[in-house]
Protein backbone atom coordinates (compact mmCIF):
# COMPACT_ATOMS: atom_id res chain seq x y z
CA UNK A 1 -37.34 -8.97 -31.67
CA UNK A 2 -36.12 -6.92 -34.39
CA UNK A 3 -32.36 -6.76 -33.01
CA UNK A 4 -31.29 -10.16 -31.98
CA UNK A 5 -28.19 -11.21 -29.38
CA UNK A 6 -26.13 -12.43 -32.12
CA UNK A 7 -26.12 -8.81 -34.15
CA UNK A 8 -25.18 -7.20 -30.56
CA UNK A 9 -22.26 -9.48 -29.58
CA UNK A 10 -21.22 -9.30 -33.69
CA UNK A 11 -21.25 -5.67 -33.44
CA UNK A 12 -19.29 -5.34 -30.31
CA UNK A 13 -16.82 -7.54 -31.00
CA UNK A 14 -16.18 -5.38 -34.48
CA UNK A 15 -15.82 -2.34 -32.32
CA UNK A 16 -13.41 -4.20 -29.73
CA UNK A 17 -15.34 -4.32 -26.93
CA UNK A 18 -16.79 -7.48 -24.97
CA UNK A 19 -20.48 -7.73 -24.02
CA UNK A 20 -20.96 -8.50 -20.16
CA UNK A 21 -22.83 -11.90 -19.81
CA UNK A 22 -25.50 -10.31 -17.29
CA UNK A 23 -26.54 -8.26 -20.44
CA UNK A 24 -27.31 -11.31 -22.55
CA UNK A 25 -29.13 -12.74 -19.98
CA UNK A 26 -30.89 -9.34 -19.00
CA UNK A 27 -32.01 -8.75 -22.76
CA UNK A 28 -33.07 -12.81 -23.18
CA UNK A 29 -35.68 -11.95 -20.35
CA UNK A 30 -36.57 -8.46 -21.32
CA UNK A 31 -36.05 -8.47 -25.33
CA UNK A 32 -37.33 -4.59 -25.10
CA UNK A 33 -34.06 -3.88 -24.76
CA UNK A 34 -32.24 -4.99 -27.66
CA UNK A 35 -32.21 -2.03 -29.86
CA UNK A 36 -30.80 -0.31 -27.08
CA UNK A 37 -28.23 -2.25 -26.37
CA UNK A 38 -27.15 -2.25 -30.26
CA UNK A 39 -27.48 1.80 -30.13
CA UNK A 40 -25.43 1.91 -27.09
CA UNK A 41 -22.61 -0.11 -28.21
CA UNK A 42 -22.65 2.01 -31.41
CA UNK A 43 -22.26 5.38 -29.41
CA UNK A 44 -20.14 4.10 -26.66
CA UNK A 45 -16.83 6.05 -26.43
CA UNK A 46 -13.65 4.77 -28.13
CA UNK A 47 -11.83 3.86 -25.13
CA UNK A 48 -14.79 1.72 -23.48
CA UNK A 49 -14.08 -1.96 -23.69
CA UNK A 50 -16.95 -3.11 -21.90
CA UNK A 51 -20.90 -3.30 -22.17
CA UNK A 52 -22.14 -3.28 -18.66
CA UNK A 53 -25.75 -3.52 -17.39
CA UNK A 54 -25.94 -0.30 -16.31
CA UNK A 55 -25.26 1.33 -19.94
CA UNK A 56 -28.66 0.07 -21.03
CA UNK A 57 -30.55 0.54 -18.10
CA UNK A 58 -31.95 4.52 -18.75
CA UNK A 59 -28.45 5.45 -17.59
CA UNK A 60 -28.58 9.16 -19.01
CA UNK A 61 -32.54 9.41 -19.29
CA UNK A 62 -32.80 10.60 -15.74
CA UNK A 63 -35.34 9.84 -12.75
CA UNK A 64 -37.92 12.45 -11.68
CA UNK A 65 -40.12 12.72 -8.77
CA UNK A 66 -43.24 14.67 -9.48
CA UNK A 67 -43.41 15.86 -5.98
CA UNK A 68 -40.04 17.06 -5.95
CA UNK A 69 -36.89 19.13 -7.24
CA UNK A 70 -34.72 16.02 -7.51
CA UNK A 71 -33.31 14.67 -10.44
CA UNK A 72 -30.69 12.24 -11.36
CA UNK A 73 -29.10 13.59 -14.57
CA UNK A 74 -26.65 11.00 -14.89
CA UNK A 75 -24.69 8.17 -12.80
CA UNK A 76 -20.82 6.76 -13.45
CA UNK A 77 -19.30 3.93 -11.62
CA UNK A 78 -15.85 4.36 -11.16
CA UNK A 79 -15.18 0.52 -11.71
CA UNK A 80 -16.50 1.26 -15.60
CA UNK A 81 -14.38 -0.04 -18.32
CA UNK A 82 -11.53 -0.91 -15.63
CA UNK A 83 -8.92 -2.97 -17.52
CA UNK A 84 -7.44 -5.53 -15.20
CA UNK A 85 -3.91 -6.11 -15.78
CA UNK A 86 -1.21 -8.65 -13.75
CA UNK A 87 -0.14 -7.42 -10.48
CA UNK A 88 3.38 -6.73 -11.63
CA UNK A 89 1.86 -3.93 -13.98
CA UNK A 90 0.92 -1.81 -11.18
CA UNK A 91 4.04 0.22 -11.98
CA UNK A 92 1.85 1.19 -15.10
CA UNK A 93 -1.19 2.47 -12.27
CA UNK A 94 1.17 4.77 -10.66
CA UNK A 95 2.73 6.13 -13.69
CA UNK A 96 -0.63 7.04 -14.68
CA UNK A 97 -1.38 8.45 -11.12
CA UNK A 98 1.56 10.51 -11.26
CA UNK A 99 0.57 12.19 -14.56
CA UNK A 100 -3.01 12.67 -13.99
CA UNK A 101 -2.43 14.29 -10.64
CA UNK A 102 0.40 16.54 -11.81
CA UNK A 103 -2.38 17.86 -14.31
CA UNK A 104 -4.86 18.30 -11.98
CA UNK A 105 -2.33 20.30 -9.73
CA UNK A 106 -1.14 22.53 -12.87
CA UNK A 107 -4.50 23.62 -13.19
CA UNK A 108 -4.03 26.07 -10.08
CA UNK A 109 -3.89 29.79 -10.72
CA UNK A 110 -0.54 30.31 -9.71
CA UNK A 111 2.20 28.59 -12.19
CA UNK A 112 4.95 26.63 -10.94
CA UNK A 113 7.53 25.33 -13.23
CA UNK A 114 8.56 22.14 -11.65
CA UNK A 115 12.51 20.75 -11.62
CA UNK A 116 13.14 16.71 -12.12
CA UNK A 117 14.39 15.10 -9.51
CA UNK A 118 17.45 14.14 -11.19
CA UNK A 119 18.81 17.66 -10.94
CA UNK A 120 17.92 18.00 -7.18
CA UNK A 121 21.27 17.01 -6.25
CA UNK A 122 22.79 20.26 -8.46
CA UNK A 123 23.73 23.08 -6.37
CA UNK A 124 20.91 25.29 -6.97
CA UNK A 125 20.28 28.58 -5.29
CA UNK A 126 17.47 29.13 -3.70
CA UNK A 127 14.59 26.97 -3.84
CA UNK A 128 12.77 24.51 -6.56
CA UNK A 129 9.78 22.86 -6.68
CA UNK A 130 9.09 19.38 -8.16
CA UNK A 131 5.96 17.11 -8.08
CA UNK A 132 6.44 13.54 -7.31
CA UNK A 133 4.91 10.15 -5.61
CA UNK A 134 5.48 9.69 -2.08
CA UNK A 135 6.84 6.09 -1.66
CA UNK A 136 8.45 5.58 1.52
CA UNK A 137 8.82 7.51 5.02
CA UNK A 138 11.81 6.68 7.41
CA UNK A 139 13.90 8.39 9.66
CA UNK A 140 13.22 12.07 8.89
CA UNK A 141 13.23 11.16 5.26
CA UNK A 142 10.75 10.75 2.15
CA UNK A 143 11.50 8.80 -0.78
CA UNK A 144 9.96 10.40 -4.05
CA UNK A 145 9.56 9.34 -7.36
CA UNK A 146 8.96 11.72 -10.12
CA UNK A 147 8.58 8.69 -12.80
CA UNK A 148 12.32 8.99 -13.83
CA UNK A 149 14.23 9.09 -10.58
CA UNK A 150 14.02 8.03 -7.01
CA UNK A 151 15.39 9.69 -4.62
CA UNK A 152 15.12 9.80 -0.55
CA UNK A 153 15.40 13.31 0.62
CA UNK A 154 15.11 14.96 4.21
CA UNK A 155 12.27 16.89 5.60
CA UNK A 156 12.68 20.27 7.24
CA UNK A 157 9.95 19.49 9.83
CA UNK A 158 7.82 16.77 11.20
CA UNK A 159 4.74 18.14 10.36
CA UNK A 160 5.89 17.27 6.84
CA UNK A 161 5.90 13.81 7.43
CA UNK A 162 2.84 13.91 9.35
CA UNK A 163 1.40 14.94 6.61
CA UNK A 164 2.62 12.93 3.55
CA UNK A 165 0.44 9.75 2.54
CA UNK A 166 2.68 7.02 0.84
CA UNK A 167 1.37 6.45 -2.42
CA UNK A 168 -0.39 10.09 -2.81
CA UNK A 169 1.17 12.63 -5.09
CA UNK A 170 2.40 15.88 -4.25
CA UNK A 171 4.52 19.54 -4.96
CA UNK A 172 7.20 19.74 -3.12
CA UNK A 173 9.11 22.80 -2.36
CA UNK A 174 12.90 22.12 -2.24
CA UNK A 175 15.53 24.23 -0.32
CA UNK A 176 19.45 24.06 -1.50
CA UNK A 177 21.78 24.38 1.66
CA UNK A 178 24.73 22.11 1.41
CA UNK A 179 22.15 19.31 0.50
CA UNK A 180 18.60 19.54 -0.65
CA UNK A 181 15.61 19.45 1.86
CA UNK A 182 11.72 19.30 1.67
CA UNK A 183 10.73 22.75 3.02
CA UNK A 184 7.10 22.62 2.06
CA UNK A 185 4.55 20.18 0.70
CA UNK A 186 1.36 21.10 -1.46
CA UNK A 187 -1.34 18.54 -1.77
CA UNK A 188 -3.34 18.37 -4.92
CA UNK A 189 -6.14 19.53 -3.22
CA UNK A 190 -9.92 20.37 -4.15
CA UNK A 191 -10.43 23.94 -5.51
CA UNK A 192 -12.64 25.98 -2.99
CA UNK A 193 -15.97 27.44 -4.00
CA UNK A 194 -17.47 29.61 -1.78
CA UNK A 195 -20.82 30.64 -3.37
CA UNK A 196 -22.75 27.51 -3.24
CA UNK A 197 -25.86 27.36 -4.72
CA UNK A 198 -29.01 26.49 -2.84
CA UNK A 199 -31.11 23.07 -3.55
CA UNK A 200 -34.20 21.65 -1.91
CA UNK A 201 -35.09 18.41 -0.84
CA UNK A 202 -34.35 15.46 1.35
CA UNK A 203 -32.31 12.23 0.82
CA UNK A 204 -31.86 9.41 2.85
CA UNK A 205 -28.27 7.99 3.29
CA UNK A 206 -27.54 4.73 4.93
CA UNK A 207 -25.05 1.82 5.02
CA UNK A 208 -23.95 -1.64 6.20
CA UNK A 209 -28.00 -3.03 6.28
CA UNK A 210 -26.71 -6.34 6.15
CA UNK A 211 -29.65 -7.76 4.59
CA UNK A 212 -30.26 -11.59 5.35
CA UNK A 213 -28.17 -11.45 8.54
CA UNK A 214 -30.24 -8.92 10.20
CA UNK A 215 -33.74 -7.98 10.04
CA UNK A 216 -34.64 -4.90 8.79
CA UNK A 217 -38.71 -5.11 8.51
CA UNK A 218 -38.79 -2.32 11.39
CA UNK A 219 -36.20 -0.08 9.74
CA UNK A 220 -37.82 -0.22 6.54
CA UNK A 221 -40.95 0.54 8.06
CA UNK A 222 -39.36 3.78 9.44
CA UNK A 223 -37.99 4.70 5.85
CA UNK A 224 -41.59 4.66 4.43
CA UNK A 225 -42.52 7.25 6.81
CA UNK A 226 -39.80 9.98 5.88
CA UNK A 227 -40.53 12.56 3.33
CA UNK A 228 -37.59 12.23 1.32
CA UNK A 229 -37.08 12.16 -2.40
CA UNK A 230 -34.71 8.84 -2.69
CA UNK A 231 -32.21 6.52 -0.46
CA UNK A 232 -28.90 5.95 -1.08
CA UNK A 233 -27.38 2.78 0.42
CA UNK A 234 -23.08 2.79 0.81
CA UNK A 235 -22.20 -0.82 0.79
CA UNK A 236 -22.38 -4.05 2.78
CA UNK A 237 -25.87 -4.49 1.24
CA UNK A 238 -25.26 -8.05 2.63
CA UNK A 239 -22.53 -9.92 4.94
CA UNK A 240 -21.67 -12.84 2.74
CA UNK A 241 -20.03 -14.60 5.42
CA UNK A 242 -22.94 -14.65 7.79
CA UNK A 243 -25.34 -15.90 5.19
CA UNK A 244 -22.96 -18.92 4.40
CA UNK A 245 -22.53 -19.61 8.08
CA UNK A 246 -26.26 -19.87 8.20
CA UNK A 247 -26.31 -22.00 5.18
CA UNK A 248 -28.41 -19.16 2.83
CA UNK A 249 -26.75 -18.35 -0.45
CA UNK A 250 -25.94 -14.47 -1.12
CA UNK A 251 -28.95 -14.15 -3.38
CA UNK A 252 -31.02 -14.67 -0.40
CA UNK A 253 -29.71 -11.45 1.03
CA UNK A 254 -30.34 -9.30 -2.14
CA UNK A 255 -33.56 -11.28 -2.52
CA UNK A 256 -34.80 -9.74 1.03
CA UNK A 257 -33.38 -6.23 -0.02
CA UNK A 258 -35.64 -6.21 -2.86
CA UNK A 259 -38.65 -6.86 -0.94
CA UNK A 260 -37.65 -3.83 1.19
CA UNK A 261 -36.98 -1.70 -1.59
CA UNK A 262 -40.26 -2.41 -3.13
CA UNK A 263 -42.06 -1.06 -0.12
CA UNK A 264 -40.74 2.43 -1.01
CA UNK A 265 -42.51 5.01 -3.22
CA UNK A 266 -42.41 4.27 -6.55
CA UNK A 267 -41.42 7.89 -7.56
CA UNK A 268 -38.57 7.61 -5.07
CA UNK A 269 -35.02 6.71 -6.43
CA UNK A 270 -33.11 3.77 -4.75
CA UNK A 271 -29.42 4.22 -5.29
CA UNK A 272 -26.95 0.99 -3.72
CA UNK A 273 -23.25 0.45 -4.35
CA UNK A 274 -21.52 -2.47 -2.92
CA UNK A 275 -19.10 -2.77 0.36
CA UNK A 276 -16.59 -5.05 1.40
CA UNK A 277 -19.12 -7.68 2.57
CA UNK A 278 -21.01 -7.79 -0.84
CA UNK A 279 -21.00 -10.36 -3.34
CA UNK A 280 -18.84 -8.89 -6.05
CA UNK A 281 -14.98 -8.31 -6.39
CA UNK A 282 -13.26 -7.48 -3.45
CA UNK A 283 -10.84 -4.89 -5.04
CA UNK A 284 -11.71 -1.41 -5.41
CA UNK A 285 -13.17 -0.19 -7.45
CA UNK A 286 -15.78 -2.55 -6.96
CA UNK A 287 -18.07 -3.67 -9.93
CA UNK A 288 -22.13 -3.36 -8.94
CA UNK A 289 -24.11 -5.93 -8.05
CA UNK A 290 -25.31 -7.33 -11.24
CA UNK A 291 -28.99 -8.58 -12.55
CA UNK A 292 -28.27 -12.14 -11.64
CA UNK A 293 -27.86 -11.49 -8.04
CA UNK A 294 -30.99 -8.92 -7.71
CA UNK A 295 -32.83 -9.57 -10.32
CA UNK A 296 -36.03 -8.50 -8.41
CA UNK A 297 -34.48 -5.19 -7.48
CA UNK A 298 -34.09 -4.42 -11.22
CA UNK A 299 -37.70 -4.40 -11.83
CA UNK A 300 -38.10 -1.64 -9.49
CA UNK A 301 -39.16 1.52 -10.38
CA UNK A 302 -36.14 4.44 -10.04
CA UNK A 303 -33.84 1.60 -8.96
CA UNK A 304 -30.09 1.88 -9.81
CA UNK A 305 -27.13 -0.60 -8.57
CA UNK A 306 -23.91 1.29 -9.43
CA UNK A 307 -19.97 0.32 -8.36
CA UNK A 308 -17.88 1.83 -5.66
CA UNK A 309 -17.43 4.50 -6.01
CA UNK A 310 -19.61 5.96 -7.97
CA UNK A 311 -20.67 9.29 -9.30
CA UNK A 312 -24.07 10.70 -9.52
CA UNK A 313 -25.67 14.36 -10.16
CA UNK A 314 -28.61 15.40 -8.35
CA UNK A 315 -30.15 18.74 -8.94
CA UNK A 316 -26.72 19.58 -10.81
CA UNK A 317 -24.77 18.76 -7.96
CA UNK A 318 -22.33 16.25 -8.48
CA UNK A 319 -22.09 13.52 -5.69
CA UNK A 320 -19.44 11.08 -4.81
CA UNK A 321 -20.75 8.02 -3.29
CA UNK A 322 -18.01 5.78 -1.52
CA UNK A 323 -18.43 2.42 0.94
CA UNK A 324 -15.24 3.75 2.36
CA UNK A 325 -12.48 0.75 2.55
CA UNK A 326 -10.04 3.55 1.50
CA UNK A 327 -10.37 5.05 5.18
CA UNK A 328 -7.83 2.22 6.10
CA UNK A 329 -4.98 4.19 4.04
CA UNK A 330 -5.74 7.11 6.46
CA UNK A 331 -5.92 5.54 9.54
CA UNK A 332 -3.44 7.72 11.63
CA UNK A 333 -5.82 10.99 11.05
CA UNK A 334 -8.94 11.38 12.96
CA UNK A 335 -12.11 10.31 11.12
CA UNK A 336 -13.14 13.65 10.07
CA UNK A 337 -9.44 14.69 9.11
CA UNK A 338 -9.21 11.30 7.38
CA UNK A 339 -12.03 12.01 4.48
CA UNK A 340 -10.93 15.60 4.05
CA UNK A 341 -7.34 14.23 3.32
CA UNK A 342 -8.65 12.17 0.26
CA UNK A 343 -10.10 15.38 -1.16
CA UNK A 344 -6.37 17.34 -0.65
CA UNK A 345 -4.78 14.11 -1.99
CA UNK A 346 -7.50 14.00 -4.86
CA UNK A 347 -7.50 9.84 -4.05
CA UNK A 348 -9.64 7.73 -2.50
CA UNK A 349 -7.20 4.48 -1.65
CA UNK A 350 -3.52 5.98 -2.29
CA UNK A 351 -1.47 3.41 -0.08
CA UNK A 352 -0.75 0.19 -1.76
CA UNK A 353 -1.00 -2.91 0.20
CA UNK A 354 -3.50 -1.55 2.79
CA UNK A 355 -6.32 -2.81 1.06
CA UNK A 356 -6.92 -4.77 -2.44
CA UNK A 357 -7.08 -2.30 -5.24
CA UNK A 358 -7.26 -3.55 -9.61
CA UNK A 359 -3.82 -3.01 -10.97
CA UNK A 360 -5.10 -1.09 -14.02
CA UNK A 361 -3.51 0.89 -16.62
CA UNK A 362 -5.91 3.99 -15.55
CA UNK A 363 -6.21 4.66 -11.94
CA UNK A 364 -9.94 4.52 -11.08
CA UNK A 365 -9.71 5.94 -7.84
CA UNK A 366 -8.62 9.03 -8.42
CA UNK A 367 -11.11 12.06 -7.54
CA UNK A 368 -10.38 13.73 -10.76
CA UNK A 369 -13.87 15.85 -10.68
CA UNK A 370 -14.41 17.92 -7.73
CA UNK A 371 -17.58 16.76 -5.76
CA UNK A 372 -20.38 18.97 -4.74
CA UNK A 373 -21.49 16.36 -2.04
CA UNK A 374 -19.34 13.65 -0.70
CA UNK A 375 -20.99 10.95 0.67
CA UNK A 376 -18.82 8.10 2.40
CA UNK A 377 -19.64 5.05 5.00
CA UNK A 378 -17.12 2.92 7.12
CA UNK A 379 -16.60 5.46 10.06
CA UNK A 380 -17.39 4.90 13.42
CA UNK A 381 -19.16 8.11 14.31
CA UNK A 382 -21.73 10.17 12.23
CA UNK A 383 -20.08 13.09 10.34
CA UNK A 384 -21.23 16.23 8.74
CA UNK A 385 -18.93 19.39 7.78
CA UNK A 386 -18.39 21.89 4.97
CA UNK A 387 -14.70 21.71 3.81
CA UNK A 388 -13.75 24.31 1.04
CA UNK A 389 -17.34 24.24 -0.14
CA UNK A 390 -17.70 20.39 -0.46
CA UNK A 391 -20.36 18.96 1.89
CA UNK A 392 -18.99 15.87 3.31
CA UNK A 393 -21.23 13.55 5.02
CA UNK A 394 -20.09 10.36 7.01
CA UNK A 395 -22.50 7.42 7.57
CA UNK A 396 -21.60 4.79 10.01
CA UNK A 397 -22.75 1.08 9.88
CA UNK A 398 -26.30 0.65 10.44
CA UNK A 399 -25.68 -2.72 11.90
CA UNK A 400 -23.56 -0.93 14.59
CA UNK A 401 -25.04 2.09 15.58
CA UNK A 402 -28.89 1.68 14.62
CA UNK A 403 -28.53 5.06 12.83
CA UNK A 404 -29.14 6.52 9.08
CA UNK A 405 -28.81 10.06 7.99
CA UNK A 406 -31.29 12.40 5.95
CA UNK A 407 -29.68 15.33 3.78
CA UNK A 408 -31.69 18.20 4.38
CA UNK A 409 -30.96 20.39 1.12
CA UNK A 410 -32.99 23.41 2.54
CA UNK A 411 -30.68 23.78 5.34
CA UNK A 412 -27.42 21.93 4.15
CA UNK A 413 -27.38 19.86 7.24
CA UNK A 414 -28.00 15.74 7.96
CA UNK A 415 -30.58 14.92 10.84
CA UNK A 416 -29.29 11.69 12.34
CA UNK A 417 -32.06 9.38 12.83
CA UNK A 418 -31.69 6.36 15.63
CA UNK A 419 -34.26 3.26 15.36
């Protein structure tokens, strides 16, 4: 090959980057990708620290079906360029969360000047607004932190306590009367869009197929009969523990998945993200299932392995894909409202300690871009609703429900299929 691996590694080191070992292994077996890897390194963003396999696998060329209007124009894993830090550095992530969410909130049309918490105890007249992280809830009080000061403030109504999610950031309206009191809380919230563009096509969405632990032969025979543009599998592709209990390696489950995906039409896209039972990091954001574990799947036409969570574009609509471990952070809400609350707080898993989160210098779970479609798993019942112009679809575990969804873009509704 004209470009060798040594050149690729040296160029990466020269630019302060690391090359994922899976990339090296892949290029050794697919030398035609060597020049593409070198090109990608030279044109990667300056703040990119890693060259991953997805960076060189037709990431921006798009996948197009000749019979449909569905087009994947780009894909991004939230785990891209995550720089792990020791747990004691988690304060850096909280500062990043506070600053970025404050910037997102400030984009609103109404302009509100925030006052620092260190001035709250002064005798202001009337009202003042502040922006802070919610650190704790106790006895009718919220413990707030604005990056400079931490202060516990009384709330005027229980509804504010009920709506507050620990670890999230919000704007607070403070009333001054003898003592400062929180009169109102305003989540960051996704902007509302009413004039939605109509799209066409159909896409399968399914989760928790637990390959290797379940016999999914009948399921994929059924999927072959669906007239769709592609399939999205939201996590729990295998159940590692069940496989090990049977004396099988995780690779067996992914081999079974590859065999089933090969049965689908070549022009259909196949997108998978991991879940908490998969062979990848258990902390959020999760890395994609790599080439070493799913070599056969990577050779399938129109296949992509992304991280959890991830973003893709289908027909110029932004899709947010999430194997929803973060629902545990919103457990006191109903499932449907919990999903909406993620869009209100603009965060997929704010509460520290409830689920493991990578402590990184940049919070990888902020919903920075407003999605057009939000697909999420780890729910008990199927949900299909519209919220502020965002199409929310939550798919239950196939292992438990024997159910999958078919998104119908012509009708903007989901057909729930039971096998």
